[in-house]
């Protein structure tokens, strides 16, 4: 019997779908209300996509065979937790992550220990201030001259003690008013008597000029007290000449002072000795030399070398402000010193010796730079000209030249034994040990990615 085909849904079918939808909606409302009152098993709810599909079917009135319409019982199914889907998804992610790490994590660290040979030599090197750069052909290294001057002054105590009873001294003016006008000569040691009764004597022979008109002749003279003691430290006074008493000269010759006499004293006082002066000079010159030298050393940079013997210093001046036997409690010593030094750069000397040693190495051999050790002895020096000749003693180690880049290419995809055999085949007795380490633990061969292969030389013994 032939199947019937409809251009639109039959009314009975459409009504069935519509009634089913309404029934489902009413059931969902009822189930929601019941769950608030008591805990019961949730009623199955028609999945939203199916409900929407049903609505679309009703609206579109598309031509659907009645036999192809899904039954409501098949559409409605109980919805549970998707354990199976989650487990399957986790397995897929784990596999993908494992594949990623398996291809990206593996790396290889290869450590090769070459055998080394000791090297030692001595070279004479000229260090010259006129050189601009290292001269590899003539063994010349540039030199820098440092200079510094220091001045210093210091007070020192006088240690000598003396009994120095002092006589007061001062200056008087002698007047001559003799008539007729006549000059008068007085011998050294002429006594003058002050109006306070103290005697003073002249220290040298003097001639007092004659009176000029009504103005008496006059002359200034240094005098000293006849006896020691502070009693002679008198103030401004008038003086007569006792030995002229009873003569016509007595009233025509006299003297006056305008300032006090000073220096009269008795007792023990401090005195500067020659030992004081010598000791002060030694102390101060040593100190000023040390200051000048330390200032020079502070100017030497970290990459420069100042050899012992390449620093010189001298005392330019040293003097005290008093002489020996001076009566003072303390005195001042002053000194000036200059220091000069010749320095050179450590890197310049290292570069020169590396070049010399490298030129003497056999083919296929390299210098281990970190093993180079230098020591210096000054053969001759001229600080004034800024030159010196140094004997340089050098010790170092050499090793077989190993092409790490080429080895990295050869190690790709090889096992630990294959890597060791490759190194031993190429360098034989020139290598003492080969260490191979793969990572992670499951890796058995070096990765194909050469950037994941690290090859290093180990010189630690």
Protein backbone atom coordinates (compact mmCIF):
# COMPACT_ATOMS: atom_id res chain seq x y z
CA UNK A 1 0.00 0.00 0.00
CA UNK A 2 1.39 3.40 -0.99
CA UNK A 3 2.54 5.88 1.82
CA UNK A 4 0.72 9.10 2.09
CA UNK A 5 2.75 12.28 1.85
CA UNK A 6 1.43 15.59 3.15
CA UNK A 7 2.60 19.08 2.14
CA UNK A 8 1.71 20.29 5.62
CA UNK A 9 1.40 18.58 8.97
CA UNK A 10 -1.93 16.91 9.49
CA UNK A 11 -4.04 18.74 12.03
CA UNK A 12 -4.09 15.71 14.31
CA UNK A 13 -0.29 15.53 14.42
CA UNK A 14 0.10 19.23 15.06
CA UNK A 15 -2.45 19.03 17.89
CA UNK A 16 -0.57 16.12 19.45
CA UNK A 17 2.71 18.04 19.47
CA UNK A 18 1.08 21.13 20.92
CA UNK A 19 -0.64 19.17 23.65
CA UNK A 20 2.62 17.39 24.52
CA UNK A 21 4.43 20.69 24.89
CA UNK A 22 1.80 22.12 27.18
CA UNK A 23 1.78 18.99 29.27
CA UNK A 24 5.53 19.13 29.67
CA UNK A 25 5.51 22.79 30.70
CA UNK A 26 2.77 22.18 33.26
CA UNK A 27 4.68 19.19 34.63
CA UNK A 28 7.87 21.23 35.00
CA UNK A 29 6.05 23.93 37.02
CA UNK A 30 4.49 21.33 39.25
CA UNK A 31 7.81 19.55 39.85
CA UNK A 32 9.53 22.83 40.77
CA UNK A 33 6.92 23.60 43.38
CA UNK A 34 7.07 20.14 44.87
CA UNK A 35 10.90 20.25 45.32
CA UNK A 36 10.54 23.28 47.60
CA UNK A 37 8.36 21.34 50.02
CA UNK A 38 10.19 18.05 50.21
CA UNK A 39 13.18 16.34 48.76
CA UNK A 40 12.01 14.11 46.01
CA UNK A 41 13.53 12.77 42.92
CA UNK A 42 13.48 15.34 40.13
CA UNK A 43 11.12 14.69 37.31
CA UNK A 44 12.68 14.45 33.83
CA UNK A 45 12.45 17.65 31.90
CA UNK A 46 12.30 17.83 28.19
CA UNK A 47 15.55 19.25 26.91
CA UNK A 48 15.23 22.80 25.67
CA UNK A 49 16.57 22.06 22.19
CA UNK A 50 13.86 19.43 21.66
CA UNK A 51 11.12 21.73 22.89
CA UNK A 52 12.32 24.44 20.56
CA UNK A 53 12.50 21.98 17.73
CA UNK A 54 8.92 21.00 18.41
CA UNK A 55 7.81 24.60 18.33
CA UNK A 56 9.64 25.23 15.11
CA UNK A 57 8.02 22.18 13.61
CA UNK A 58 4.57 23.43 14.55
CA UNK A 59 5.20 26.87 13.12
CA UNK A 60 6.92 25.86 9.94
CA UNK A 61 4.28 23.29 9.05
CA UNK A 62 6.99 21.61 7.02
CA UNK A 63 6.26 18.40 5.22
CA UNK A 64 7.27 15.66 7.63
CA UNK A 65 6.22 12.08 7.34
CA UNK A 66 4.19 11.07 10.34
CA UNK A 67 6.34 8.01 10.80
CA UNK A 68 9.51 10.18 11.21
CA UNK A 69 8.25 12.24 14.17
CA UNK A 70 10.10 11.30 17.39
CA UNK A 71 8.01 9.98 20.15
CA UNK A 72 7.83 11.99 23.32
CA UNK A 73 9.08 9.05 25.37
CA UNK A 74 12.30 8.88 23.36
CA UNK A 75 12.89 12.61 23.41
CA UNK A 76 12.48 12.87 27.16
CA UNK A 77 15.41 11.20 28.93
CA UNK A 78 16.96 11.58 32.30
CA UNK A 79 20.02 13.91 32.38
CA UNK A 80 23.09 12.74 34.55
CA UNK A 81 26.74 13.90 35.42
CA UNK A 82 28.99 13.50 32.25
CA UNK A 83 31.73 11.39 33.90
CA UNK A 84 32.61 9.52 30.74
CA UNK A 85 33.07 12.70 28.73
CA UNK A 86 35.30 14.28 31.39
CA UNK A 87 37.51 11.20 31.68
CA UNK A 88 37.91 10.95 27.94
CA UNK A 89 38.75 14.68 27.68
CA UNK A 90 41.33 14.42 30.47
CA UNK A 91 43.00 11.49 28.76
CA UNK A 92 43.24 13.43 25.52
CA UNK A 93 44.71 16.49 27.26
CA UNK A 94 47.21 14.34 29.18
CA UNK A 95 48.33 12.66 25.95
CA UNK A 96 48.76 15.99 24.18
CA UNK A 97 50.74 17.50 27.09
CA UNK A 98 52.91 14.38 27.24
CA UNK A 99 53.64 14.61 23.53
CA UNK A 100 54.55 18.31 23.92
CA UNK A 101 56.95 17.75 26.83
CA UNK A 102 58.40 14.67 25.24
CA UNK A 103 59.42 16.77 22.25
CA UNK A 104 60.42 20.01 24.04
CA UNK A 105 61.84 19.06 27.47
CA UNK A 106 64.69 16.71 26.53
CA UNK A 107 68.14 18.23 26.73
CA UNK A 108 71.72 16.99 26.94
CA UNK A 109 74.63 18.42 28.99
CA UNK A 110 78.05 17.19 27.85
CA UNK A 111 81.13 18.08 29.89
CA UNK A 112 84.55 17.46 28.33
CA UNK A 113 87.72 17.59 30.45
CA UNK A 114 90.78 18.29 28.26
CA UNK A 115 94.29 17.43 29.44
CA UNK A 116 96.54 20.46 30.08
CA UNK A 117 100.26 21.12 29.84
CA UNK A 118 102.18 23.63 31.98
CA UNK A 119 103.92 26.64 30.38
CA UNK A 120 106.45 29.04 31.93
CA UNK A 121 108.57 31.85 30.52
CA UNK A 122 110.28 35.16 31.32
CA UNK A 123 110.16 38.30 29.19
CA UNK A 124 111.66 41.77 29.52
CA UNK A 125 109.01 44.41 28.94
CA UNK A 126 109.56 48.15 28.55
CA UNK A 127 106.99 50.37 30.27
CA UNK A 128 107.12 53.83 28.72
CA UNK A 129 105.06 56.98 29.34
CA UNK A 130 105.48 57.99 25.68
CA UNK A 131 103.75 54.81 24.43
CA UNK A 132 100.11 55.20 23.40
CA UNK A 133 99.14 51.54 23.03
CA UNK A 134 100.62 48.06 23.53
CA UNK A 135 103.43 47.37 21.04
CA UNK A 136 103.38 43.58 20.52
CA UNK A 137 106.46 43.58 18.30
CA UNK A 138 108.75 45.51 20.65
CA UNK A 139 107.31 44.38 23.99
CA UNK A 140 106.29 47.91 25.05
CA UNK A 141 103.40 48.76 27.37
CA UNK A 142 102.04 52.29 28.07
CA UNK A 143 102.85 53.89 31.43
CA UNK A 144 101.10 56.56 33.49
CA UNK A 145 102.96 59.01 35.79
CA UNK A 146 101.30 60.06 39.04
CA UNK A 147 102.47 63.04 41.13
CA UNK A 148 101.29 64.59 44.37
CA UNK A 149 102.57 67.27 46.78
CA UNK A 150 101.64 67.64 50.45
CA UNK A 151 102.31 70.38 53.03
CA UNK A 152 102.00 69.97 56.78
CA UNK A 153 102.56 72.10 59.91
CA UNK A 154 102.49 71.02 63.54
CA UNK A 155 103.16 72.46 66.99
CA UNK A 156 105.82 70.75 69.15
CA UNK A 157 106.66 71.38 72.85
CA UNK A 158 110.03 72.68 74.00
CA UNK A 159 111.59 70.18 76.42
CA UNK A 160 114.68 72.12 77.57
CA UNK A 161 114.74 73.94 80.89
CA UNK A 162 117.17 76.73 81.77
CA UNK A 163 117.79 79.23 84.55
CA UNK A 164 117.55 82.40 82.57
CA UNK A 165 117.31 85.45 84.76
CA UNK A 166 116.32 88.06 82.26
CA UNK A 167 117.20 91.76 82.22
CA UNK A 168 114.62 94.27 81.12
CA UNK A 169 115.34 96.07 77.85
CA UNK A 170 113.86 98.99 75.99
CA UNK A 171 114.57 102.17 74.02
CA UNK A 172 115.27 105.69 75.28
CA UNK A 173 115.76 109.02 73.47
CA UNK A 174 118.85 111.01 74.58
CA UNK A 175 118.57 114.79 74.33
CA UNK A 176 121.48 117.34 74.03
CA UNK A 177 120.83 120.94 75.03
CA UNK A 178 124.42 121.98 75.73
CA UNK A 179 125.33 125.62 75.13
CA UNK A 180 127.25 126.52 73.19
CA UNK A 181 125.80 123.86 70.87
CA UNK A 182 128.19 120.94 70.99
CA UNK A 183 127.68 117.21 70.05
CA UNK A 184 128.41 114.74 72.83
CA UNK A 185 129.77 111.21 72.50
CA UNK A 186 128.77 108.53 75.05
CA UNK A 187 130.59 105.23 75.34
CA UNK A 188 128.85 101.81 75.46
CA UNK A 189 127.79 101.02 79.02
CA UNK A 190 126.92 104.60 79.94
CA UNK A 191 124.55 104.49 82.92
CA UNK A 192 121.16 106.21 82.87
CA UNK A 193 119.16 106.56 86.12
CA UNK A 194 115.36 106.52 85.89
CA UNK A 195 113.22 108.82 88.00
CA UNK A 196 112.11 105.60 89.83
CA UNK A 197 115.71 104.84 90.82
CA UNK A 198 116.48 102.02 88.33
CA UNK A 199 119.78 101.96 86.40
CA UNK A 200 119.96 101.17 82.67
CA UNK A 201 123.08 101.11 80.45
CA UNK A 202 123.62 101.75 76.78
CA UNK A 203 124.58 98.77 74.60
CA UNK A 204 126.76 100.64 72.12
CA UNK A 205 128.73 103.88 71.62
CA UNK A 206 126.55 106.82 70.48
CA UNK A 207 127.03 110.48 69.59
CA UNK A 208 124.24 112.85 70.58
CA UNK A 209 123.79 115.64 67.98
CA UNK A 210 124.19 119.28 69.06
CA UNK A 211 121.23 121.59 69.64
CA UNK A 212 119.79 123.21 66.55
CA UNK A 213 118.48 126.64 67.34
CA UNK A 214 116.24 126.22 70.34
CA UNK A 215 115.61 122.58 69.61
CA UNK A 216 117.83 120.10 71.47
CA UNK A 217 119.68 117.45 69.50
CA UNK A 218 118.42 113.86 70.05
CA UNK A 219 119.09 110.20 69.24
CA UNK A 220 117.31 106.90 70.11
CA UNK A 221 119.38 104.27 71.93
CA UNK A 222 118.71 100.68 73.12
CA UNK A 223 119.35 100.15 76.81
CA UNK A 224 119.35 97.20 79.20
CA UNK A 225 118.65 97.03 82.93
CA UNK A 226 121.73 96.86 85.13
CA UNK A 227 120.29 93.87 87.05
CA UNK A 228 117.83 91.02 86.45
CA UNK A 229 114.28 90.87 87.72
CA UNK A 230 110.81 92.04 86.93
CA UNK A 231 111.31 95.21 89.01
CA UNK A 232 113.03 96.75 86.01
CA UNK A 233 109.99 96.40 83.81
CA UNK A 234 109.20 100.08 84.44
CA UNK A 235 106.87 102.25 82.45
CA UNK A 236 107.65 105.44 80.49
CA UNK A 237 110.24 107.45 82.46
CA UNK A 238 112.79 110.25 82.46
CA UNK A 239 116.50 109.51 82.87
CA UNK A 240 119.61 111.42 84.01
CA UNK A 241 123.31 110.63 83.55
CA UNK A 242 124.73 110.18 87.11
CA UNK A 243 128.37 110.35 86.02
CA UNK A 244 127.82 113.90 84.66
CA UNK A 245 126.74 115.10 88.07
CA UNK A 246 128.74 118.14 89.21
CA UNK A 247 129.59 119.19 85.65
CA UNK A 248 128.05 121.69 83.26
CA UNK A 249 126.85 118.74 81.18
CA UNK A 250 124.55 117.31 83.85
CA UNK A 251 121.54 119.58 83.12
CA UNK A 252 122.17 119.73 79.38
CA UNK A 253 122.09 115.93 78.81
CA UNK A 254 119.07 113.75 79.75
CA UNK A 255 116.88 110.93 78.31
CA UNK A 256 113.22 109.92 78.12
CA UNK A 257 111.31 106.71 77.26
CA UNK A 258 107.80 106.53 75.82
CA UNK A 259 107.22 102.76 76.29
CA UNK A 260 107.67 100.35 79.18
CA UNK A 261 110.80 98.27 79.62
CA UNK A 262 110.19 94.50 79.19
CA UNK A 263 111.88 91.11 79.67
CA UNK A 264 112.98 91.40 83.25
CA UNK A 265 112.45 88.09 85.07
CA UNK A 266 114.00 85.45 87.32
CA UNK A 267 113.52 81.65 87.62
CA UNK A 268 113.45 78.59 85.28
CA UNK A 269 111.88 78.70 81.81
CA UNK A 270 111.30 76.35 78.84
CA UNK A 271 113.97 76.37 76.16
CA UNK A 272 114.08 74.78 72.68
CA UNK A 273 116.94 72.32 72.33
CA UNK A 274 118.57 71.03 69.16
CA UNK A 275 117.13 67.60 69.93
CA UNK A 276 113.68 69.18 69.98
CA UNK A 277 114.24 70.58 66.50
CA UNK A 278 115.68 67.33 65.12
CA UNK A 279 112.88 65.22 66.60
CA UNK A 280 110.19 67.54 65.26
CA UNK A 281 111.74 67.43 61.80
CA UNK A 282 111.84 63.60 61.78
CA UNK A 283 108.24 63.27 62.93
CA UNK A 284 106.83 65.81 60.52
CA UNK A 285 108.83 64.76 57.45
CA UNK A 286 107.82 61.11 57.93
CA UNK A 287 104.20 62.15 58.28
CA UNK A 288 104.16 64.43 55.23
CA UNK A 289 105.95 61.76 53.14
CA UNK A 290 103.38 59.17 54.19
CA UNK A 291 100.54 61.54 53.30
CA UNK A 292 102.01 62.20 49.87
CA UNK A 293 102.54 58.48 49.18
CA UNK A 294 99.05 57.51 50.38
CA UNK A 295 97.55 60.20 48.17
CA UNK A 296 99.41 58.68 45.19
CA UNK A 297 98.18 55.17 46.01
CA UNK A 298 94.59 56.38 46.21
CA UNK A 299 94.89 57.59 42.62
CA UNK A 300 95.83 54.12 41.32
CA UNK A 301 92.75 52.52 39.74
CA UNK A 302 91.73 48.88 40.26
CA UNK A 303 92.99 47.85 36.82
CA UNK A 304 96.44 49.45 37.32
CA UNK A 305 99.57 48.02 38.95
CA UNK A 306 101.98 50.01 41.14
CA UNK A 307 105.11 47.98 41.77
CA UNK A 308 107.20 48.30 44.90
CA UNK A 309 110.10 50.48 43.89
CA UNK A 310 108.06 52.42 41.32
CA UNK A 311 107.00 54.94 43.97
CA UNK A 312 109.46 57.65 44.99
CA UNK A 313 109.14 60.65 47.32
CA UNK A 314 111.27 63.53 48.56
CA UNK A 315 111.20 66.32 51.16
CA UNK A 316 111.08 69.71 49.47
CA UNK A 317 111.45 71.78 52.64
CA UNK A 318 111.45 71.49 56.42
CA UNK A 319 111.99 74.28 58.95
CA UNK A 320 111.05 75.45 62.44
CA UNK A 321 109.95 78.95 63.38
CA UNK A 322 112.65 79.22 66.13
CA UNK A 323 116.33 78.41 66.61
CA UNK A 324 117.93 76.27 69.26
CA UNK A 325 118.04 77.82 72.79
CA UNK A 326 114.96 79.93 72.10
CA UNK A 327 112.98 80.62 75.29
CA UNK A 328 109.48 79.42 74.30
CA UNK A 329 107.02 76.80 75.57
CA UNK A 330 106.35 75.38 72.07
CA UNK A 331 107.36 75.93 68.47
CA UNK A 332 106.01 75.15 65.00
CA UNK A 333 107.62 72.85 62.43
CA UNK A 334 106.57 72.99 58.76
CA UNK A 335 107.40 70.54 55.93
CA UNK A 336 106.56 69.94 52.27
CA UNK A 337 106.97 66.68 50.30
CA UNK A 338 106.40 65.43 46.75
CA UNK A 339 105.68 61.83 45.68
CA UNK A 340 105.81 60.33 42.15
CA UNK A 341 104.78 56.90 40.86
CA UNK A 342 104.88 54.92 37.60
CA UNK A 343 101.88 52.64 36.99
CA UNK A 344 100.65 50.48 34.09
CA UNK A 345 97.43 48.67 33.25
CA UNK A 346 97.21 45.02 34.23
CA UNK A 347 95.17 44.24 31.10
CA UNK A 348 97.88 45.70 28.84
CA UNK A 349 100.51 43.43 30.37
CA UNK A 350 98.15 40.43 30.24
CA UNK A 351 97.37 41.03 26.56
CA UNK A 352 101.09 41.29 25.74
CA UNK A 353 101.99 38.04 27.54
CA UNK A 354 99.01 36.18 26.02
CA UNK A 355 100.21 37.20 22.59
CA UNK A 356 103.77 36.09 23.34
CA UNK A 357 102.67 32.70 24.71
CA UNK A 358 100.12 32.07 21.94
CA UNK A 359 102.78 32.69 19.31
CA UNK A 360 104.88 29.90 20.82
CA UNK A 361 102.11 27.27 21.05
CA UNK A 362 101.94 24.32 18.65
CA UNK A 363 99.16 24.10 16.07
CA UNK A 364 95.96 22.63 17.49
CA UNK A 365 96.77 23.92 20.98
CA UNK A 366 95.10 26.79 22.85
CA UNK A 367 96.04 28.89 25.88
CA UNK A 368 93.84 28.50 28.95
CA UNK A 369 93.37 32.21 29.68
CA UNK A 370 92.21 31.74 33.27
CA UNK A 371 95.44 29.91 34.13
CA UNK A 372 97.76 32.83 33.28
CA UNK A 373 99.67 34.14 36.31
CA UNK A 374 102.15 37.04 36.15
CA UNK A 375 104.80 38.31 38.56
CA UNK A 376 107.05 41.35 38.11
CA UNK A 377 110.58 42.46 39.00
CA UNK A 378 111.91 45.92 38.21
CA UNK A 379 115.12 45.69 36.20
CA UNK A 380 115.67 49.47 35.89
CA UNK A 381 113.63 52.61 36.45
CA UNK A 382 113.85 56.31 35.62
CA UNK A 383 111.04 58.21 37.31
CA UNK A 384 112.14 61.53 35.77
CA UNK A 385 111.90 60.19 32.21
CA UNK A 386 108.87 58.04 32.97
CA UNK A 387 110.34 54.70 31.88
CA UNK A 388 111.18 51.37 33.44
CA UNK A 389 112.13 47.89 32.31
CA UNK A 390 110.34 44.99 33.99
CA UNK A 391 111.17 41.28 34.00
CA UNK A 392 107.82 39.49 33.73
CA UNK A 393 107.59 35.85 34.86
CA UNK A 394 104.56 34.04 33.42
CA UNK A 395 103.02 30.63 34.13
CA UNK A 396 100.02 29.18 32.28
CA UNK A 397 98.43 26.01 30.90
CA UNK A 398 97.64 24.91 27.33
CA UNK A 399 95.11 22.34 26.06
CA UNK A 400 94.07 20.73 22.76
CA UNK A 401 91.82 23.02 20.74
CA UNK A 402 88.30 21.54 20.75
CA UNK A 403 85.66 22.63 18.23
CA UNK A 404 82.52 22.71 20.39
CA UNK A 405 80.23 23.83 17.57
CA UNK A 406 81.24 20.92 15.37
CA UNK A 407 80.81 18.45 18.22
CA UNK A 408 77.31 19.75 18.93
CA UNK A 409 76.31 18.92 15.36
CA UNK A 410 77.73 15.42 15.72
CA UNK A 411 76.01 14.69 19.06
CA UNK A 412 72.46 15.19 17.78
CA UNK A 413 70.40 12.01 18.27
CA UNK A 414 73.28 10.00 19.79
CA UNK A 415 73.37 7.99 23.01
CA UNK A 416 75.74 8.56 25.92
CA UNK A 417 78.19 5.89 24.74
CA UNK A 418 78.11 7.16 21.17
CA UNK A 419 78.89 10.71 22.36
CA UNK A 420 81.85 9.52 24.46
CA UNK A 421 83.17 7.43 21.58
CA UNK A 422 82.90 10.41 19.21
CA UNK A 423 84.95 12.63 21.53
CA UNK A 424 87.58 9.96 22.13
CA UNK A 425 87.83 9.23 18.41
CA UNK A 426 88.42 12.88 17.49
CA UNK A 427 90.67 13.95 20.38
CA UNK A 428 92.01 10.69 21.81
CA UNK A 429 94.62 11.25 24.54
CA UNK A 430 93.92 14.99 24.61
CA UNK A 431 90.78 14.38 26.72
CA UNK A 432 90.81 12.87 30.21
CA UNK A 433 87.07 12.51 30.81
CA UNK A 434 83.64 12.93 29.19
CA UNK A 435 80.44 13.29 31.22
CA UNK A 436 77.01 13.02 29.54
CA UNK A 437 73.76 13.86 31.29
CA UNK A 438 70.29 13.62 29.72
CA UNK A 439 67.13 15.16 31.10
CA UNK A 440 64.36 14.20 31.92
CA UNK A 441 65.08 10.73 33.25
CA UNK A 442 63.40 8.89 30.40
CA UNK A 443 65.60 10.48 27.71
CA UNK A 444 68.19 8.06 26.33
CA UNK A 445 69.58 10.08 23.43
CA UNK A 446 70.57 13.67 22.73
CA UNK A 447 67.68 15.69 21.25
CA UNK A 448 67.55 16.45 17.55
CA UNK A 449 67.17 20.14 18.38
CA UNK A 450 70.82 21.27 18.63
CA UNK A 451 69.87 24.25 20.76
CA UNK A 452 68.99 21.74 23.52
CA UNK A 453 72.53 20.32 23.52
CA UNK A 454 75.02 22.08 25.82
CA UNK A 455 78.71 21.23 25.42
CA UNK A 456 81.22 22.73 27.89
CA UNK A 457 84.89 22.31 28.76
CA UNK A 458 85.82 21.52 32.36
CA UNK A 459 89.37 22.38 33.54
CA UNK A 460 88.83 21.70 37.24
CA UNK A 461 91.25 19.05 38.38
